[in-house]
Amino acid sequence: MTLPWIVGGDFNVIWDEEEKFGGLPVHINEVDDFRHCVNTCNLFDLGFKGSIYTWWNGRAEEDCIFKRFDRCLANMDFQKLWPGLEVEHLPKIGSYHSPLPITLNPEVALVKKLFRFLNFWIKNDSFQAVDRQNWQADFHANPFILFNYKLKKLKKALSIWSKANYGDIFQKLSSLEEMVKFMRLSLC
C-alpha cells in the first residue's frame, strides 16, 4: 500500500523477549507470525515514551507478568507526513492495559535526546578503547574548535556503544519504576 496509514491497539503478542517480564520464557514461535505480518505490511513501530510494558496480569510477586501488548505501527508514508508524532504509555489505571495517547504536531521536528554521561560506563572493559579511539582529530585547528569536535565525536560514539552494551537504560528504568509501583499497589 502506498497511502499513509497507521494501526494501533492491543495486538496480544510481544515482539521479542525484552517486551516481557515474568512468567515462562518467550519462544520465537509465539512472535513469528506477528513479525511476519508487520514486516510484510512494511509497518514500523512508532516508539513510545514511558514504561515499555503496556499490560499487567493483575497478580503480585512471582505470579506477576508484564508485557508490551499495545503499540502503534505506521508505514513510512505516514511517518514522513507527521514526523513529530509521539506515542505515550500512560499508567494502567482501572485497566490491565495502558492508554496510548498519540500527540500529533506536524510543526514539531524530531528532538534530539540529551547526552548524559553515566559513571558506571568507566567500569566496562571496552570503555577506554572507545574513549581513546574517538578522542582524536585528523586535523589541526583552534583549540576550542578542536575540543568541540572531539566532544561531539566522542558523544556520538559513546551513545552508540552504550546502546549496544546496555540497551535503552532510561526506558528500562522507567519500566522498572512502574513495576515497583504496581507491586506496591498489589501488596496494599
Protein backbone atom coordinates (compact mmCIF):
# COMPACT_ATOMS: atom_id res chain seq x y z
CA MET A 1 0.00 0.00 0.00
CA THR A 2 1.37 3.42 -0.92
CA LEU A 3 -1.06 5.52 1.13
CA PRO A 4 -0.09 6.72 4.61
CA TRP A 5 -1.59 4.53 7.28
CA ILE A 6 -1.36 3.79 11.00
CA VAL A 7 -2.64 0.90 13.09
CA GLY A 8 -2.59 0.65 16.86
CA GLY A 9 -4.07 -1.19 19.78
CA ASP A 10 -3.83 -4.47 21.69
CA PHE A 11 -2.08 -7.00 19.45
CA ASN A 12 -1.98 -9.58 22.27
CA VAL A 13 1.56 -10.60 21.27
CA ILE A 14 5.04 -9.27 22.01
CA TRP A 15 7.81 -8.53 19.51
CA ASP A 16 10.68 -10.10 21.48
CA GLU A 17 11.75 -11.26 24.95
CA GLU A 18 12.66 -7.68 26.01
CA GLU A 19 8.94 -6.87 25.98
CA LYS A 20 8.10 -9.37 28.73
CA PHE A 21 8.85 -9.60 32.44
CA GLY A 22 7.92 -12.67 34.48
CA GLY A 23 6.23 -15.93 33.54
CA LEU A 24 7.60 -18.59 31.23
CA PRO A 25 10.40 -17.84 28.73
CA VAL A 26 9.40 -16.48 25.32
CA HIS A 27 9.60 -18.86 22.37
CA ILE A 28 10.21 -17.49 18.87
CA ASN A 29 7.14 -19.39 17.57
CA GLU A 30 4.97 -17.05 19.65
CA VAL A 31 6.15 -13.94 17.80
CA ASP A 32 6.99 -15.18 14.29
CA ASP A 33 3.54 -14.63 12.77
CA PHE A 34 3.28 -11.13 14.23
CA ARG A 35 6.75 -10.16 12.98
CA HIS A 36 5.99 -11.59 9.54
CA CYS A 37 2.72 -9.64 9.32
CA VAL A 38 4.31 -6.34 10.42
CA ASN A 39 7.24 -6.77 8.02
CA THR A 40 5.02 -7.85 5.10
CA CYS A 41 2.86 -4.75 5.58
CA ASN A 42 6.01 -2.54 5.70
CA LEU A 43 5.00 -1.16 9.09
CA PHE A 44 7.33 0.27 11.72
CA ASP A 45 6.84 0.72 15.45
CA LEU A 46 6.38 4.41 16.24
CA GLY A 47 8.24 4.08 19.52
CA PHE A 48 6.95 5.48 22.79
CA LYS A 49 7.57 7.42 25.97
CA GLY A 50 7.09 5.80 29.36
CA SER A 51 7.27 2.22 30.54
CA ILE A 52 7.89 -0.50 27.96
CA TYR A 53 5.13 -2.65 29.46
CA THR A 54 1.53 -1.86 28.49
CA TRP A 55 -0.19 -4.87 30.08
CA TRP A 56 -0.15 -6.45 33.54
CA ASN A 57 -1.80 -9.71 34.56
CA GLY A 58 -3.01 -8.20 37.84
CA ARG A 59 -1.08 -10.60 40.04
CA ALA A 60 1.66 -10.00 42.57
CA GLU A 61 5.12 -11.36 43.40
CA GLU A 62 6.24 -14.46 41.46
CA ASP A 63 2.93 -14.70 39.54
CA CYS A 64 3.29 -11.13 38.22
CA ILE A 65 3.71 -10.76 34.44
CA PHE A 66 4.22 -7.56 32.45
CA LYS A 67 4.14 -7.45 28.62
CA ARG A 68 4.01 -4.94 25.81
CA PHE A 69 0.83 -5.97 24.01
CA ASP A 70 -0.25 -2.49 22.94
CA ARG A 71 1.55 -0.49 20.26
CA CYS A 72 1.16 1.88 17.34
CA LEU A 73 2.58 0.97 13.93
CA ALA A 74 2.73 3.05 10.76
CA ASN A 75 4.22 2.90 7.30
CA MET A 76 6.95 5.26 6.08
CA ASP A 77 4.49 7.43 4.13
CA PHE A 78 2.62 8.16 7.36
CA GLN A 79 5.83 8.88 9.28
CA LYS A 80 7.05 11.27 6.58
CA LEU A 81 3.78 13.21 6.74
CA TRP A 82 3.88 13.55 10.54
CA PRO A 83 7.46 13.29 11.82
CA GLY A 84 6.55 14.88 15.17
CA LEU A 85 4.20 12.05 16.17
CA GLU A 86 4.60 10.78 19.75
CA VAL A 87 3.03 7.77 21.45
CA GLU A 88 2.97 7.68 25.23
CA HIS A 89 2.36 4.69 27.51
CA LEU A 90 0.30 6.11 30.38
CA PRO A 91 -0.06 4.36 33.76
CA LYS A 92 -2.54 1.50 33.95
CA ILE A 93 -5.43 2.92 35.98
CA GLY A 94 -8.70 0.99 36.11
CA SER A 95 -7.46 -1.48 33.48
CA TYR A 96 -4.73 -4.04 32.93
CA HIS A 97 -3.74 -2.10 29.76
CA SER A 98 -2.03 1.27 29.38
CA PRO A 99 -3.81 4.00 27.43
CA LEU A 100 -1.75 5.08 24.40
CA PRO A 101 -2.47 8.72 23.56
CA ILE A 102 -0.91 9.92 20.33
CA THR A 103 0.26 13.50 20.14
CA LEU A 104 0.38 14.86 16.61
CA ASN A 105 2.07 18.16 15.97
CA PRO A 106 3.14 18.44 12.32
CA GLU A 107 5.17 21.58 13.08
CA VAL A 108 7.41 19.82 15.59
CA ALA A 109 10.68 18.49 14.25
CA LEU A 110 12.23 15.44 15.85
CA VAL A 111 14.04 16.48 19.03
CA LYS A 112 17.49 15.11 19.73
CA LYS A 113 17.90 13.38 23.06
CA LEU A 114 20.23 14.99 25.54
CA PHE A 115 23.53 13.21 26.06
CA ARG A 116 24.16 12.01 29.59
CA PHE A 117 27.44 10.53 30.70
CA LEU A 118 26.82 7.58 33.02
CA ASN A 119 29.54 6.97 35.58
CA PHE A 120 29.23 3.17 35.50
CA TRP A 121 30.42 3.16 31.88
CA ILE A 122 34.04 3.54 33.03
CA LYS A 123 33.84 0.14 34.75
CA ASN A 124 33.20 -1.57 31.39
CA ASP A 125 36.37 -3.10 29.92
CA SER A 126 35.75 -1.67 26.45
CA PHE A 127 35.07 1.92 27.59
CA GLN A 128 38.68 3.12 27.47
CA ALA A 129 39.16 1.78 23.95
CA VAL A 130 36.08 3.69 22.72
CA ASP A 131 37.28 6.79 24.55
CA ARG A 132 40.83 6.62 23.17
CA GLN A 133 39.74 5.81 19.63
CA ASN A 134 37.27 8.71 19.44
CA TRP A 135 39.25 11.38 21.27
CA GLN A 136 41.37 12.02 18.21
CA ALA A 137 41.17 14.51 15.41
CA ASP A 138 42.73 14.20 11.98
CA PHE A 139 43.21 17.95 11.55
CA HIS A 140 44.69 20.96 13.36
CA ALA A 141 42.60 23.94 14.39
CA ASN A 142 41.90 26.44 17.10
CA PRO A 143 41.96 24.53 20.45
CA PHE A 144 38.30 25.39 21.15
CA ILE A 145 37.15 24.13 17.74
CA LEU A 146 39.26 21.00 18.16
CA PHE A 147 37.87 20.39 21.66
CA ASN A 148 34.27 20.84 20.43
CA TYR A 149 34.88 18.44 17.52
CA LYS A 150 36.36 15.79 19.85
CA LEU A 151 33.45 16.10 22.30
CA LYS A 152 30.85 15.66 19.55
CA LYS A 153 32.70 12.70 18.07
CA LEU A 154 33.08 11.00 21.46
CA LYS A 155 29.47 11.72 22.46
CA LYS A 156 28.17 10.05 19.30
CA ALA A 157 30.48 7.03 19.72
CA LEU A 158 29.56 6.61 23.40
CA SER A 159 25.84 6.81 22.63
CA ILE A 160 26.14 4.02 20.06
CA TRP A 161 28.43 1.99 22.34
CA SER A 162 26.08 2.36 25.34
CA LYS A 163 23.02 1.35 23.33
CA ALA A 164 24.85 -1.76 22.05
CA ASN A 165 26.15 -2.72 25.51
CA TYR A 166 23.26 -1.73 27.77
CA GLY A 167 20.21 -1.00 25.62
CA ASP A 168 17.97 1.98 26.43
CA ILE A 169 18.82 2.44 30.10
CA PHE A 170 16.36 5.28 30.75
CA GLN A 171 13.47 3.33 29.24
CA LYS A 172 14.40 0.26 31.31
CA LEU A 173 14.49 2.45 34.42
CA SER A 174 11.03 3.82 33.63
CA SER A 175 9.69 0.26 33.20
CA LEU A 176 11.22 -0.91 36.47
CA GLU A 177 9.78 2.10 38.31
CA GLU A 178 6.32 1.23 37.00
CA MET A 179 6.74 -2.41 38.05
CA VAL A 180 7.69 -1.32 41.60
CA LYS A 181 4.64 0.95 41.69
CA PHE A 182 2.32 -1.92 40.74
CA MET A 183 3.98 -4.29 43.18
CA ARG A 184 3.35 -1.77 45.97
CA LEU A 185 -0.29 -1.32 44.92
CA SER A 186 -0.90 -5.07 44.74
CA LEU A 187 0.52 -5.59 48.24
CA CYS A 188 -1.81 -2.98 49.79
